[in-house]
């Protein structure tokens, strides 16, 4: 591994792999959506012959939460769960107390979240809020403002330490000759679940993809165009033959690695070596920037990757960026990657400003605020946050609209900085939608506004695609 990759300096305050459920049915063979009970959390296991599995060899499982009254086969939330990452013996062997208490478990490869769920098997209690966990936002199905409370919700569990992107079995050794083998099979797990999704939702009309932290990177990776079914969430017509499928993506607080930088130059190739993150499951056929060769260049840039995607989608895609200026988890990973803690905020602001200068505000929206909290999509402040007279939920809801005031497209907390002014040709890109309807809810960001627009909502980076 590259010298720039540091081992953990301290134990994290909490394990990041956290799933809490109100109703769980016994994990079973892969059942069809129509066979699942309404108002219930189901634990399902994809076929192991698909090459699925957790990092330390146990079977992989995913979760399906069905709405209260009836199965919804037309509206789907697909969540990539977060939970850190590991790339060496020291990071993959780091331990903490597990969910059941007493035992020790690997931070980034933790399977005790699933074990915790299994301990609740046989429960018939129904609840619209996850009991015993201080989470809200899009995880609070009791909240009537929740835009997806009546949608089917599929959560891809995370136990592979590779941000749902890997396709490699790695052997890690320490200086004393001890070793461990880790199955970085996140891409295979995701591909298998997506195959189930395709079979289960033949009449799908709307899909919203969300991910926080490690899951946030996955929302971007899995919008790429790969071979066959793999990763074609950006071409939903190919996955779902229904005429007017609408898709949105939300990548929450995932700017841990800033590119270009000396840190990125050291880390990105090493991570690809150990995860095989540029595998065929997620590598776009049209991209010259997300390849094993390209990411090893010293000037590889996330901004260039976004511009490439924008050109590919020819104005049918917008970007939205949300992050906090001193996000504790992003700072931690920046330091683990070898970056100096005192440089992340300045570099992050510079990166976003570079994006803003190169992309017009109609296609690149931003919402940057002061603070150290990590993530927003499971926080109730998602519904109450407001800066410069613009509520976050309104900014989020209007991402798919080309006709909102320019002044509300880029929102900066003055304590963080100010936007970078677009310096390009104002006629170079055209934001194209078939609607001028404004909305103050999050519905537009999940496709209710209609139109021929693709939006990447980068909450840390993220996405909305329509009629591609």
Protein backbone atom coordinates (compact mmCIF):
# COMPACT_ATOMS: atom_id res chain seq x y z
CA UNK A 1 0.00 0.00 0.00
CA UNK A 2 1.04 3.58 -0.55
CA UNK A 3 2.94 5.37 2.19
CA UNK A 4 0.20 8.02 2.27
CA UNK A 5 -2.29 5.58 3.79
CA UNK A 6 -2.16 5.89 7.55
CA UNK A 7 -3.56 3.53 10.13
CA UNK A 8 -6.30 4.73 12.53
CA UNK A 9 -5.10 7.25 15.10
CA UNK A 10 -7.96 6.57 17.44
CA UNK A 11 -11.06 4.43 17.77
CA UNK A 12 -14.18 5.97 16.29
CA UNK A 13 -16.93 7.00 18.67
CA UNK A 14 -19.37 4.59 17.09
CA UNK A 15 -19.45 1.82 14.49
CA UNK A 16 -20.75 3.26 11.23
CA UNK A 17 -22.55 0.09 10.09
CA UNK A 18 -25.84 0.70 11.86
CA UNK A 19 -29.16 -0.79 10.93
CA UNK A 20 -32.09 -0.53 13.29
CA UNK A 21 -35.45 -2.02 12.48
CA UNK A 22 -38.93 -1.98 13.93
CA UNK A 23 -40.17 -5.21 12.35
CA UNK A 24 -37.96 -7.95 10.99
CA UNK A 25 -39.05 -11.19 9.41
CA UNK A 26 -36.76 -14.19 9.35
CA UNK A 27 -34.00 -14.06 6.75
CA UNK A 28 -34.99 -16.39 3.97
CA UNK A 29 -34.42 -17.48 0.43
CA UNK A 30 -34.86 -14.64 -1.99
CA UNK A 31 -38.59 -13.94 -2.10
CA UNK A 32 -40.44 -11.90 -4.68
CA UNK A 33 -41.72 -8.46 -3.69
CA UNK A 34 -45.33 -9.64 -4.02
CA UNK A 35 -44.66 -12.29 -1.35
CA UNK A 36 -43.63 -9.75 1.30
CA UNK A 37 -45.96 -8.45 4.01
CA UNK A 38 -46.89 -4.73 4.04
CA UNK A 39 -45.61 -2.55 6.86
CA UNK A 40 -42.73 -4.93 7.61
CA UNK A 41 -38.96 -4.95 7.49
CA UNK A 42 -37.76 -8.07 5.64
CA UNK A 43 -34.24 -9.48 5.73
CA UNK A 44 -33.43 -11.20 2.43
CA UNK A 45 -30.39 -13.11 1.22
CA UNK A 46 -29.30 -12.90 -2.42
CA UNK A 47 -27.98 -16.06 -4.10
CA UNK A 48 -24.44 -16.90 -3.03
CA UNK A 49 -23.87 -18.27 -6.50
CA UNK A 50 -23.84 -14.61 -7.57
CA UNK A 51 -20.55 -14.35 -5.68
CA UNK A 52 -22.06 -12.34 -2.82
CA UNK A 53 -20.74 -12.28 0.74
CA UNK A 54 -19.55 -10.20 3.67
CA UNK A 55 -15.93 -9.27 4.19
CA UNK A 56 -15.13 -12.09 6.61
CA UNK A 57 -17.02 -14.82 4.80
CA UNK A 58 -20.55 -14.74 6.20
CA UNK A 59 -23.54 -14.58 3.82
CA UNK A 60 -24.68 -11.17 2.61
CA UNK A 61 -28.20 -9.93 3.30
CA UNK A 62 -30.20 -6.84 2.43
CA UNK A 63 -33.31 -5.20 3.84
CA UNK A 64 -36.69 -4.36 2.38
CA UNK A 65 -39.12 -2.09 4.22
CA UNK A 66 -42.61 -2.24 2.74
CA UNK A 67 -45.16 0.58 3.24
CA UNK A 68 -47.93 0.20 5.76
CA UNK A 69 -51.05 -0.41 3.68
CA UNK A 70 -49.96 -2.23 0.55
CA UNK A 71 -46.93 -3.25 -1.46
CA UNK A 72 -45.73 -0.42 -3.69
CA UNK A 73 -44.16 -1.75 -6.89
CA UNK A 74 -44.03 1.60 -8.69
CA UNK A 75 -41.99 3.73 -6.28
CA UNK A 76 -38.66 2.62 -4.81
CA UNK A 77 -35.98 4.03 -2.53
CA UNK A 78 -32.63 2.30 -2.91
CA UNK A 79 -30.23 3.07 -0.06
CA UNK A 80 -26.52 2.28 -0.02
CA UNK A 81 -25.63 2.11 3.66
CA UNK A 82 -22.48 3.79 4.92
CA UNK A 83 -19.83 2.45 7.25
CA UNK A 84 -16.29 3.58 6.61
CA UNK A 85 -13.76 1.55 4.67
CA UNK A 86 -10.53 -0.42 5.08
CA UNK A 87 -7.50 -1.02 2.89
CA UNK A 88 -4.78 -2.54 5.15
CA UNK A 89 -4.27 -5.02 7.98
CA UNK A 90 -4.49 -2.23 10.55
CA UNK A 91 -7.66 -0.61 9.19
CA UNK A 92 -9.45 -3.89 8.43
CA UNK A 93 -8.49 -5.40 11.82
CA UNK A 94 -9.61 -2.39 13.89
CA UNK A 95 -12.24 -3.49 16.41
CA UNK A 96 -15.01 -2.03 18.54
CA UNK A 97 -17.83 -3.31 20.72
CA UNK A 98 -20.59 -4.87 18.63
CA UNK A 99 -24.29 -4.18 18.64
CA UNK A 100 -25.09 -7.10 20.93
CA UNK A 101 -22.66 -5.84 23.60
CA UNK A 102 -19.60 -7.55 25.03
CA UNK A 103 -18.17 -9.02 21.86
CA UNK A 104 -15.57 -7.35 19.67
CA UNK A 105 -16.20 -6.81 15.99
CA UNK A 106 -14.35 -5.39 13.01
CA UNK A 107 -15.36 -1.76 12.43
CA UNK A 108 -15.55 -1.75 8.65
CA UNK A 109 -16.48 -5.41 8.19
CA UNK A 110 -19.02 -5.56 11.01
CA UNK A 111 -21.66 -8.24 10.68
CA UNK A 112 -23.16 -7.65 14.11
CA UNK A 113 -25.70 -5.24 12.64
CA UNK A 114 -27.20 -8.21 10.86
CA UNK A 115 -26.82 -10.31 14.02
CA UNK A 116 -28.67 -7.61 15.95
CA UNK A 117 -31.49 -7.83 13.42
CA UNK A 118 -31.58 -11.60 13.69
CA UNK A 119 -31.97 -11.27 17.46
CA UNK A 120 -35.34 -9.60 16.76
CA UNK A 121 -36.62 -12.35 14.48
CA UNK A 122 -40.13 -13.44 15.21
CA UNK A 123 -41.18 -9.96 16.39
CA UNK A 124 -44.52 -8.79 15.07
CA UNK A 125 -44.26 -5.22 16.37
CA UNK A 126 -44.92 -2.64 13.72
CA UNK A 127 -43.48 0.83 13.98
CA UNK A 128 -42.95 3.67 11.54
CA UNK A 129 -39.80 4.81 13.35
CA UNK A 130 -36.67 2.80 14.15
CA UNK A 131 -36.89 2.20 17.93
CA UNK A 132 -33.93 2.72 20.18
CA UNK A 133 -31.91 4.79 17.71
CA UNK A 134 -31.67 8.55 17.50
CA UNK A 135 -32.26 8.85 13.78
CA UNK A 136 -34.80 10.84 11.83
CA UNK A 137 -34.97 12.57 8.47
CA UNK A 138 -35.65 10.08 5.71
CA UNK A 139 -35.55 7.27 8.28
CA UNK A 140 -38.55 8.63 10.17
CA UNK A 141 -41.52 7.08 8.40
CA UNK A 142 -43.87 8.63 10.97
CA UNK A 143 -43.14 12.12 9.63
CA UNK A 144 -45.88 13.16 7.23
CA UNK A 145 -43.38 15.39 5.40
CA UNK A 146 -41.32 12.33 4.51
CA UNK A 147 -41.47 12.20 0.69
CA UNK A 148 -40.98 8.41 0.56
CA UNK A 149 -42.99 7.10 3.51
CA UNK A 150 -45.32 5.20 1.18
CA UNK A 151 -42.57 3.93 -1.11
CA UNK A 152 -40.87 0.55 -0.90
CA UNK A 153 -37.45 1.01 0.73
CA UNK A 154 -34.50 -1.29 -0.08
CA UNK A 155 -31.31 -0.95 2.00
CA UNK A 156 -28.09 -2.53 0.79
CA UNK A 157 -26.30 -3.54 3.98
CA UNK A 158 -22.58 -2.79 4.19
CA UNK A 159 -20.05 -5.32 5.46
CA UNK A 160 -17.27 -5.35 2.85
CA UNK A 161 -15.22 -2.23 3.71
CA UNK A 162 -15.09 -1.12 0.04
CA UNK A 163 -17.88 1.47 -0.33
CA UNK A 164 -20.02 -1.05 -2.29
CA UNK A 165 -17.44 -0.87 -5.11
CA UNK A 166 -15.04 -3.80 -4.68
CA UNK A 167 -14.54 -7.05 -6.56
CA UNK A 168 -11.40 -8.54 -5.03
CA UNK A 169 -10.33 -10.89 -2.24
CA UNK A 170 -7.37 -9.24 -0.48
CA UNK A 171 -4.78 -10.71 1.88
CA UNK A 172 -3.43 -8.23 4.42
CA UNK A 173 -0.36 -8.81 6.60
CA UNK A 174 1.08 -6.95 9.56
CA UNK A 175 4.73 -6.47 10.47
CA UNK A 176 4.71 -9.60 12.66
CA UNK A 177 3.58 -11.93 9.91
CA UNK A 178 -0.05 -12.15 10.99
CA UNK A 179 -2.53 -11.92 8.16
CA UNK A 180 -6.22 -11.72 7.39
CA UNK A 181 -8.21 -12.30 4.22
CA UNK A 182 -10.97 -9.85 3.34
CA UNK A 183 -13.63 -10.32 0.69
CA UNK A 184 -14.14 -6.89 -0.84
CA UNK A 185 -17.27 -7.97 -2.75
CA UNK A 186 -19.38 -4.82 -2.49
CA UNK A 187 -19.87 -4.55 -6.26
CA UNK A 188 -21.03 -8.16 -6.53
CA UNK A 189 -23.46 -7.69 -3.64
CA UNK A 190 -24.91 -4.54 -5.19
CA UNK A 191 -25.19 -6.14 -8.62
CA UNK A 192 -27.10 -9.11 -7.19
CA UNK A 193 -29.54 -6.86 -5.29
CA UNK A 194 -30.08 -4.74 -8.41
CA UNK A 195 -30.98 -7.88 -10.32
CA UNK A 196 -33.65 -8.61 -7.70
CA UNK A 197 -34.87 -5.02 -7.97
CA UNK A 198 -35.21 -5.31 -11.73
CA UNK A 199 -37.25 -8.50 -11.43
CA UNK A 200 -39.39 -7.15 -8.59
CA UNK A 201 -40.33 -3.78 -10.08
CA UNK A 202 -41.40 -4.39 -13.70
CA UNK A 203 -43.78 -1.41 -13.52
CA UNK A 204 -41.43 0.95 -11.70
CA UNK A 205 -42.14 4.63 -12.29
CA UNK A 206 -39.87 6.39 -9.80
CA UNK A 207 -36.63 5.47 -8.03
CA UNK A 208 -34.62 7.50 -5.53
CA UNK A 209 -31.08 6.36 -4.70
CA UNK A 210 -29.53 7.62 -1.47
CA UNK A 211 -26.25 6.95 0.32
CA UNK A 212 -24.36 8.50 3.20
CA UNK A 213 -20.57 8.57 3.56
CA UNK A 214 -19.26 5.28 2.11
CA UNK A 215 -22.72 4.76 0.65
CA UNK A 216 -22.47 8.22 -0.87
CA UNK A 217 -19.53 7.16 -3.01
CA UNK A 218 -21.63 4.19 -4.13
CA UNK A 219 -24.48 6.39 -5.38
CA UNK A 220 -22.03 8.01 -7.79
CA UNK A 221 -20.27 4.80 -8.79
CA UNK A 222 -23.52 2.96 -9.45
CA UNK A 223 -24.89 5.66 -11.74
CA UNK A 224 -22.25 4.76 -14.27
CA UNK A 225 -22.98 2.75 -17.39
CA UNK A 226 -21.56 -0.76 -17.13
CA UNK A 227 -22.07 -3.89 -19.25
CA UNK A 228 -25.48 -5.53 -19.38
CA UNK A 229 -27.64 -4.82 -16.32
CA UNK A 230 -24.66 -3.89 -14.17
CA UNK A 231 -24.67 -0.34 -12.92
CA UNK A 232 -27.15 0.97 -15.46
CA UNK A 233 -29.07 2.98 -12.90
CA UNK A 234 -28.32 5.96 -15.11
CA UNK A 235 -30.20 4.33 -17.97
CA UNK A 236 -33.32 3.27 -16.13
CA UNK A 237 -35.18 2.50 -19.35
CA UNK A 238 -32.77 -0.41 -19.86
CA UNK A 239 -33.36 -1.75 -16.35
CA UNK A 240 -37.06 -0.98 -16.23
CA UNK A 241 -38.97 -1.07 -19.51
CA UNK A 242 -41.82 1.13 -18.22
CA UNK A 243 -42.01 4.26 -20.38
CA UNK A 244 -41.47 7.06 -17.87
CA UNK A 245 -39.22 5.87 -15.07
CA UNK A 246 -37.85 8.76 -13.02
CA UNK A 247 -34.67 8.45 -10.97
CA UNK A 248 -32.85 10.60 -8.42
CA UNK A 249 -29.60 10.07 -6.51
CA UNK A 250 -28.40 11.61 -3.25
CA UNK A 251 -24.78 11.31 -2.10
CA UNK A 252 -24.55 12.52 1.47
CA UNK A 253 -21.33 13.86 3.06
CA UNK A 254 -18.78 11.98 0.98
CA UNK A 255 -15.98 14.41 0.14
CA UNK A 256 -13.48 12.54 2.26
CA UNK A 257 -10.94 12.35 -0.55
CA UNK A 258 -10.29 15.59 -2.43
CA UNK A 259 -8.98 15.23 -5.96
CA UNK A 260 -6.69 16.55 -7.34
CA UNK A 261 -4.31 16.57 -4.38
CA UNK A 262 -1.11 14.85 -3.31
CA UNK A 263 -3.25 12.75 -0.96
CA UNK A 264 -5.51 11.62 -3.79
CA UNK A 265 -2.52 10.76 -5.99
CA UNK A 266 -1.20 8.42 -3.27
CA UNK A 267 -4.51 6.93 -2.15
CA UNK A 268 -6.74 6.37 -5.17
CA UNK A 269 -4.46 3.91 -7.04
CA UNK A 270 -3.76 1.98 -3.82
CA UNK A 271 -7.45 1.66 -3.01
CA UNK A 272 -8.11 0.44 -6.54
CA UNK A 273 -5.31 -2.13 -6.15
CA UNK A 274 -6.85 -3.59 -3.00
CA UNK A 275 -10.56 -3.23 -3.89
CA UNK A 276 -10.49 -3.39 -7.69
CA UNK A 277 -12.83 -0.39 -7.67
CA UNK A 278 -12.60 0.11 -11.44
CA UNK A 279 -14.10 -3.32 -12.09
CA UNK A 280 -16.50 -4.12 -14.94
CA UNK A 281 -19.57 -3.92 -12.69
CA UNK A 282 -19.36 -0.14 -12.35
CA UNK A 283 -16.89 1.24 -14.93
CA UNK A 284 -18.74 3.32 -17.55
CA UNK A 285 -18.13 2.37 -21.15
CA UNK A 286 -18.13 6.03 -22.18
CA UNK A 287 -15.73 7.37 -19.54
CA UNK A 288 -12.04 7.96 -20.16
CA UNK A 289 -11.59 9.26 -16.62
CA UNK A 290 -12.92 6.41 -14.43
CA UNK A 291 -10.46 3.74 -15.52
CA UNK A 292 -7.56 2.06 -13.76
CA UNK A 293 -5.13 4.00 -15.95
CA UNK A 294 -6.79 7.40 -15.60
CA UNK A 295 -7.08 7.46 -11.81
CA UNK A 296 -3.33 6.85 -11.52
CA UNK A 297 -2.52 10.18 -13.13
CA UNK A 298 -1.25 12.82 -10.70
CA UNK A 299 -3.71 15.43 -11.97
CA UNK A 300 -6.84 13.24 -11.82
CA UNK A 301 -9.73 15.51 -10.88
CA UNK A 302 -13.24 14.95 -9.56
CA UNK A 303 -14.24 18.18 -11.31
CA UNK A 304 -13.05 16.77 -14.65
CA UNK A 305 -15.09 13.63 -13.99
CA UNK A 306 -18.20 15.74 -13.35
CA UNK A 307 -17.64 17.81 -16.49
CA UNK A 308 -17.22 14.59 -18.49
CA UNK A 309 -20.53 13.29 -17.14
CA UNK A 310 -22.24 16.61 -17.86
CA UNK A 311 -21.05 16.51 -21.45
CA UNK A 312 -22.19 12.90 -21.79
CA UNK A 313 -25.71 13.70 -20.61
CA UNK A 314 -25.86 16.87 -22.75
CA UNK A 315 -27.66 19.14 -20.30
CA UNK A 316 -30.03 16.50 -18.91
CA UNK A 317 -28.13 16.30 -15.65
CA UNK A 318 -27.67 18.72 -12.77
CA UNK A 319 -25.41 18.43 -9.75
CA UNK A 320 -26.23 19.44 -6.19
CA UNK A 321 -23.58 19.57 -3.47
CA UNK A 322 -24.15 19.57 0.27
CA UNK A 323 -21.52 19.30 2.99
CA UNK A 324 -20.52 20.86 6.29
CA UNK A 325 -17.29 22.79 6.67
CA UNK A 326 -15.80 20.68 9.48
CA UNK A 327 -17.51 17.30 9.08
CA UNK A 328 -15.79 15.17 11.74
CA UNK A 329 -15.98 11.89 9.80
CA UNK A 330 -14.70 13.41 6.58
CA UNK A 331 -11.85 15.01 8.52
CA UNK A 332 -11.02 11.65 10.12
CA UNK A 333 -10.76 9.88 6.80
CA UNK A 334 -8.76 12.71 5.28
CA UNK A 335 -6.24 12.18 8.09
CA UNK A 336 -6.28 8.39 7.68
CA UNK A 337 -5.53 8.87 4.00
CA UNK A 338 -2.50 10.94 4.96
CA UNK A 339 -3.91 14.46 4.76
CA UNK A 340 -3.28 17.16 7.36
CA UNK A 341 -6.41 17.89 9.40
CA UNK A 342 -5.95 21.64 9.12
CA UNK A 343 -6.06 21.59 5.31
CA UNK A 344 -9.30 19.72 4.54
CA UNK A 345 -11.78 22.59 4.92
CA UNK A 346 -9.75 25.00 2.81
CA UNK A 347 -9.19 22.40 0.11
CA UNK A 348 -12.83 21.29 0.15
CA UNK A 349 -14.03 24.89 -0.32
CA UNK A 350 -11.50 25.38 -3.15
CA UNK A 351 -12.70 22.18 -4.85
CA UNK A 352 -16.36 23.21 -4.71
CA UNK A 353 -15.48 26.72 -5.94
CA UNK A 354 -13.61 25.14 -8.87
CA UNK A 355 -16.72 23.13 -9.71
CA UNK A 356 -18.83 26.30 -9.53
CA UNK A 357 -16.49 28.22 -11.82
CA UNK A 358 -16.47 25.47 -14.45
CA UNK A 359 -20.17 24.57 -14.36
CA UNK A 360 -23.14 26.99 -14.64
CA UNK A 361 -25.43 27.42 -11.61
CA UNK A 362 -28.39 25.91 -13.47
CA UNK A 363 -26.50 22.62 -13.62
CA UNK A 364 -24.37 22.81 -10.47
CA UNK A 365 -26.25 23.68 -7.27
CA UNK A 366 -24.50 23.95 -3.88
CA UNK A 367 -25.50 24.17 -0.21
CA UNK A 368 -22.52 24.51 2.16
CA UNK A 369 -22.93 25.19 5.87
CA UNK A 370 -20.79 25.49 8.97
CA UNK A 371 -20.66 22.56 11.40
CA UNK A 372 -19.02 19.26 12.27
CA UNK A 373 -21.94 16.80 12.07
CA UNK A 374 -21.76 14.00 9.53
CA UNK A 375 -24.63 13.38 7.14
CA UNK A 376 -28.07 14.90 6.78
CA UNK A 377 -30.47 12.40 5.23
CA UNK A 378 -31.12 10.68 8.59
CA UNK A 379 -31.36 13.95 10.55
CA UNK A 380 -34.55 15.90 11.25
CA UNK A 381 -32.77 19.17 10.45
CA UNK A 382 -33.23 18.14 6.83
CA UNK A 383 -36.74 19.62 7.21
CA UNK A 384 -35.78 22.76 9.15
CA UNK A 385 -32.33 23.90 7.90
CA UNK A 386 -32.36 27.37 6.34
CA UNK A 387 -29.59 29.71 5.16
CA UNK A 388 -29.79 32.97 3.21
CA UNK A 389 -33.57 32.67 3.15
CA UNK A 390 -33.46 29.28 1.38
CA UNK A 391 -34.71 26.20 3.21
CA UNK A 392 -32.71 23.08 2.52
CA UNK A 393 -35.82 21.05 1.73
CA UNK A 394 -36.86 23.68 -0.85
CA UNK A 395 -33.38 23.77 -2.39
CA UNK A 396 -33.47 19.97 -2.54
CA UNK A 397 -37.01 19.91 -3.90
CA UNK A 398 -36.22 22.36 -6.71
CA UNK A 399 -33.06 20.68 -7.97
CA UNK A 400 -34.95 19.32 -10.97
CA UNK A 401 -36.28 22.75 -11.92
CA UNK A 402 -34.38 25.01 -14.31
CA UNK A 403 -36.44 28.09 -13.56
CA UNK A 404 -35.81 28.77 -9.88
CA UNK A 405 -34.01 32.06 -9.13
CA UNK A 406 -30.27 31.83 -9.63
CA UNK A 407 -29.82 33.34 -6.17
CA UNK A 408 -31.37 30.23 -4.61
CA UNK A 409 -29.30 27.72 -6.58
CA UNK A 410 -26.08 28.20 -4.63
CA UNK A 411 -26.44 28.70 -0.88
CA UNK A 412 -23.36 29.37 1.25
CA UNK A 413 -23.19 29.93 4.97
CA UNK A 414 -21.03 33.12 5.21
CA UNK A 415 -19.00 31.42 7.93
CA UNK A 416 -17.81 28.91 5.32
CA UNK A 417 -17.19 31.11 2.30
CA UNK A 418 -18.88 32.27 -0.87
CA UNK A 419 -19.66 30.75 -4.23
CA UNK A 420 -17.29 30.69 -7.16
CA UNK A 421 -18.72 32.58 -10.14
CA UNK A 422 -19.15 30.63 -13.37
CA UNK A 423 -16.54 31.78 -15.89
CA UNK A 424 -17.55 29.75 -18.93
CA UNK A 425 -19.81 30.35 -21.89
CA UNK A 426 -23.37 30.83 -20.56
CA UNK A 427 -24.68 29.24 -23.76
CA UNK A 428 -22.44 26.17 -23.60
CA UNK A 429 -24.86 24.11 -21.51
CA UNK A 430 -28.63 24.16 -21.48
CA UNK A 431 -30.67 22.92 -18.54
CA UNK A 432 -33.61 21.11 -20.13
CA UNK A 433 -36.90 20.32 -18.40
CA UNK A 434 -40.47 20.09 -19.61
CA UNK A 435 -41.94 21.73 -16.53
CA UNK A 436 -41.81 25.14 -14.91
CA UNK A 437 -43.59 24.04 -11.74
CA UNK A 438 -41.96 25.19 -8.50
CA UNK A 439 -42.32 23.14 -5.36
CA UNK A 440 -41.42 23.75 -1.73
CA UNK A 441 -41.31 20.04 -0.94
CA UNK A 442 -38.68 17.39 -1.63
CA UNK A 443 -40.97 15.77 -4.18
CA UNK A 444 -39.36 17.37 -7.22
CA UNK A 445 -36.01 15.93 -6.24
CA UNK A 446 -37.53 12.48 -6.38
CA UNK A 447 -39.12 12.92 -9.75
CA UNK A 448 -42.56 14.35 -9.03
CA UNK A 449 -41.83 17.48 -11.03
CA UNK A 450 -41.42 15.49 -14.21
CA UNK A 451 -39.24 16.67 -17.07
CA UNK A 452 -36.32 15.50 -19.12
CA UNK A 453 -33.60 16.32 -16.59
CA UNK A 454 -30.95 14.26 -14.86
CA UNK A 455 -29.79 15.53 -11.48
CA UNK A 456 -26.79 14.36 -9.47
CA UNK A 457 -27.39 15.46 -5.89
CA UNK A 458 -23.99 15.42 -4.27
CA UNK A 459 -24.58 15.68 -0.55
CA UNK A 460 -21.03 15.18 -0.27
CA UNK A 461 -21.87 14.49 -4.31
CA UNK A 462 -25.64 13.03 -5.62
CA UNK A 463 -28.06 12.23 -8.53
CA UNK A 464 -31.37 12.59 -10.36
CA UNK A 465 -32.04 11.05 -13.74
CA UNK A 466 -35.12 11.30 -15.86
CA UNK A 467 -36.08 9.73 -19.20
CA UNK A 468 -32.52 8.99 -20.33
